[in-house]
C-alpha atoms as a PDB file:
ATOM      1  CA  MET A   1       3.810 -34.897  15.188  1.00  0.00           C
ATOM      2  CA  LEU A   2       0.699 -35.106  12.998  1.00  0.00           C
ATOM      3  CA  LEU A   3       0.014 -31.365  13.695  1.00  0.00           C
ATOM      4  CA  GLU A   4       3.550 -30.492  12.563  1.00  0.00           C
ATOM      5  CA  ILE A   5       3.067 -32.377   9.376  1.00  0.00           C
ATOM      6  CA  LEU A   6      -0.300 -30.636   8.724  1.00  0.00           C
ATOM      7  CA  ALA A   7       1.198 -27.247   9.508  1.00  0.00           C
ATOM      8  CA  ALA A   8       4.162 -27.854   7.134  1.00  0.00           C
ATOM      9  CA  SER A   9       1.777 -28.871   4.440  1.00  0.00           C
ATOM     10  CA  ALA A  10      -0.388 -25.872   4.866  1.00  0.00           C
ATOM     11  CA  TYR A  11       2.603 -23.572   4.843  1.00  0.00           C
ATOM     12  CA  LYS A  12       3.831 -25.167   1.570  1.00  0.00           C
ATOM     13  CA  GLU A  13       0.416 -24.669  -0.022  1.00  0.00           C
ATOM     14  CA  TYR A  14       0.373 -21.050   1.114  1.00  0.00           C
ATOM     15  CA  ARG A  15       3.824 -20.405  -0.379  1.00  0.00           C
ATOM     16  CA  GLU A  16       2.774 -22.106  -3.653  1.00  0.00           C
ATOM     17  CA  ARG A  17      -0.382 -19.925  -3.897  1.00  0.00           C
ATOM     18  CA  GLU A  18       1.766 -16.881  -3.221  1.00  0.00           C
ATOM     19  CA  ARG A  19       4.235 -17.814  -5.978  1.00  0.00           C
ATOM     20  CA  LYS A  20       1.466 -18.430  -8.484  1.00  0.00           C
ATOM     21  CA  GLN A  21      -0.208 -15.107  -7.673  1.00  0.00           C
ATOM     22  CA  LYS A  22       3.074 -13.244  -8.254  1.00  0.00           C
ATOM     23  CA  GLU A  23       3.581 -15.055 -11.558  1.00  0.00           C
ATOM     24  CA  GLY A  24       0.069 -14.086 -12.598  1.00  0.00           C
ATOM     25  CA  ILE A  25       0.615 -10.488 -11.677  1.00  0.00           C
ATOM     26  CA  VAL A  26       3.906 -10.321 -13.702  1.00  0.00           C
ATOM     27  CA  LYS A  27       2.139 -11.860 -16.741  1.00  0.00           C
ATOM     28  CA  ALA A  28      -0.770  -9.354 -16.452  1.00  0.00           C
ATOM     29  CA  GLN A  29       1.688  -6.460 -16.114  1.00  0.00           C
ATOM     30  CA  GLN A  30       3.495  -7.606 -19.270  1.00  0.00           C
ATOM     31  CA  LYS A  31       0.142  -7.612 -21.161  1.00  0.00           C
ATOM     32  CA  GLY A  32      -0.684  -4.249 -19.730  1.00  0.00           C
ATOM     33  CA  LEU A  33      -3.707  -5.509 -17.799  1.00  0.00           C
ATOM     34  CA  TYR A  34      -2.459  -4.935 -14.209  1.00  0.00           C
ATOM     35  CA  HIS A  35      -1.392  -1.594 -12.901  1.00  0.00           C
ATOM     36  CA  GLY A  36      -1.795  -2.067  -9.188  1.00  0.00           C
ATOM     37  CA  ARG A  37      -3.648   0.196  -6.855  1.00  0.00           C
ATOM     38  CA  GLN A  38      -3.800   3.818  -8.056  1.00  0.00           C
ATOM     39  CA  PRO A  39      -3.176   6.585  -5.516  1.00  0.00           C
ATOM     40  CA  ASP A  40      -6.098   8.662  -4.272  1.00  0.00           C
ATOM     41  CA  LEU A  41      -5.049  12.051  -5.673  1.00  0.00           C
ATOM     42  CA  GLU A  42      -7.930  13.821  -3.990  1.00  0.00           C
ATOM     43  CA  ALA A  43      -6.767  12.702  -0.527  1.00  0.00           C
ATOM     44  CA  HIS A  44      -3.169  13.762  -1.560  1.00  0.00           C
ATOM     45  CA  ASP A  45      -4.452  17.227  -2.464  1.00  0.00           C
ATOM     46  CA  ARG A  46      -6.298  17.476   0.846  1.00  0.00           C
ATOM     47  CA  ILE A  47      -3.150  16.339   2.750  1.00  0.00           C
ATOM     48  CA  ALA A  48      -1.162  19.051   0.919  1.00  0.00           C
ATOM     49  CA  SER A  49      -3.683  21.709   1.903  1.00  0.00           C
ATOM     50  CA  PHE A  50      -3.763  20.575   5.562  1.00  0.00           C
ATOM     51  CA  THR A  51       0.072  20.544   5.640  1.00  0.00           C
ATOM     52  CA  GLU A  52       0.235  24.082   4.190  1.00  0.00           C
ATOM     53  CA  ALA A  53      -2.226  25.171   6.837  1.00  0.00           C
ATOM     54  CA  GLY A  54       0.221  23.889   9.542  1.00  0.00           C
ATOM     55  CA  PHE A  55      -1.715  20.849  10.784  1.00  0.00           C
ATOM     56  CA  SER A  56       0.199  18.050  12.502  1.00  0.00           C
ATOM     57  CA  ILE A  57       0.568  14.634  11.015  1.00  0.00           C
ATOM     58  CA  ASN A  58      -2.023  13.093  13.299  1.00  0.00           C
ATOM     59  CA  LYS A  59      -4.586  15.970  12.839  1.00  0.00           C
ATOM     60  CA  THR A  60      -4.159  15.712   9.056  1.00  0.00           C
ATOM     61  CA  ALA A  61      -4.505  11.915   9.005  1.00  0.00           C
ATOM     62  CA  GLU A  62      -7.658  12.186  11.202  1.00  0.00           C
ATOM     63  CA  ALA A  63      -9.232  14.960   9.134  1.00  0.00           C
ATOM     64  CA  VAL A  64      -8.527  13.336   5.761  1.00  0.00           C
ATOM     65  CA  GLY A  65      -9.323   9.810   6.884  1.00  0.00           C
ATOM     66  CA  VAL A  66      -5.986   8.202   5.990  1.00  0.00           C
ATOM     67  CA  SER A  67      -3.185   6.612   8.028  1.00  0.00           C
ATOM     68  CA  ARG A  68      -0.201   8.471   9.504  1.00  0.00           C
ATOM     69  CA  SER A  69       2.051   6.654   7.091  1.00  0.00           C
ATOM     70  CA  THR A  70       0.128   7.958   4.073  1.00  0.00           C
ATOM     71  CA  VAL A  71       0.442  11.553   5.422  1.00  0.00           C
ATOM     72  CA  ILE A  72       4.175  11.074   5.931  1.00  0.00           C
ATOM     73  CA  ARG A  73       4.646   9.525   2.496  1.00  0.00           C
ATOM     74  CA  VAL A  74       2.660  12.346   0.768  1.00  0.00           C
ATOM     75  CA  ARG A  75       4.533  15.032   2.727  1.00  0.00           C
ATOM     76  CA  LYS A  76       7.878  13.462   1.738  1.00  0.00           C
ATOM     77  CA  LYS A  77       6.795  13.489  -1.917  1.00  0.00           C
ATOM     78  CA  LEU A  78       5.695  17.190  -1.659  1.00  0.00           C
ATOM     79  CA  LYS A  79       9.052  18.059  -0.027  1.00  0.00           C
ATOM     80  CA  ASN A  80      10.980  16.383  -2.898  1.00  0.00           C
ATOM     81  CA  LEU A  81       8.996  18.358  -5.443  1.00  0.00           C
ATOM     82  CA  ASP A  82       9.956  21.737  -3.938  1.00  0.00           C
END
């Protein structure tokens, strides 16, 4: 029972920290101080060139040094631009 109380307390504190962090991000965005993580455009260009060369998703991800999901997301973005 004591363990359950400690776990509930820790979870409550975690959720409170998460809420405060989100509030801080919103305030910083309103002031123009927070823009989030910027995309790595150099990696996107390399993914585009590997895609045009006919490489698979796995080979492209391995060669560029990014995840499969990044390759898929960039390919989808390139497809929408066409």
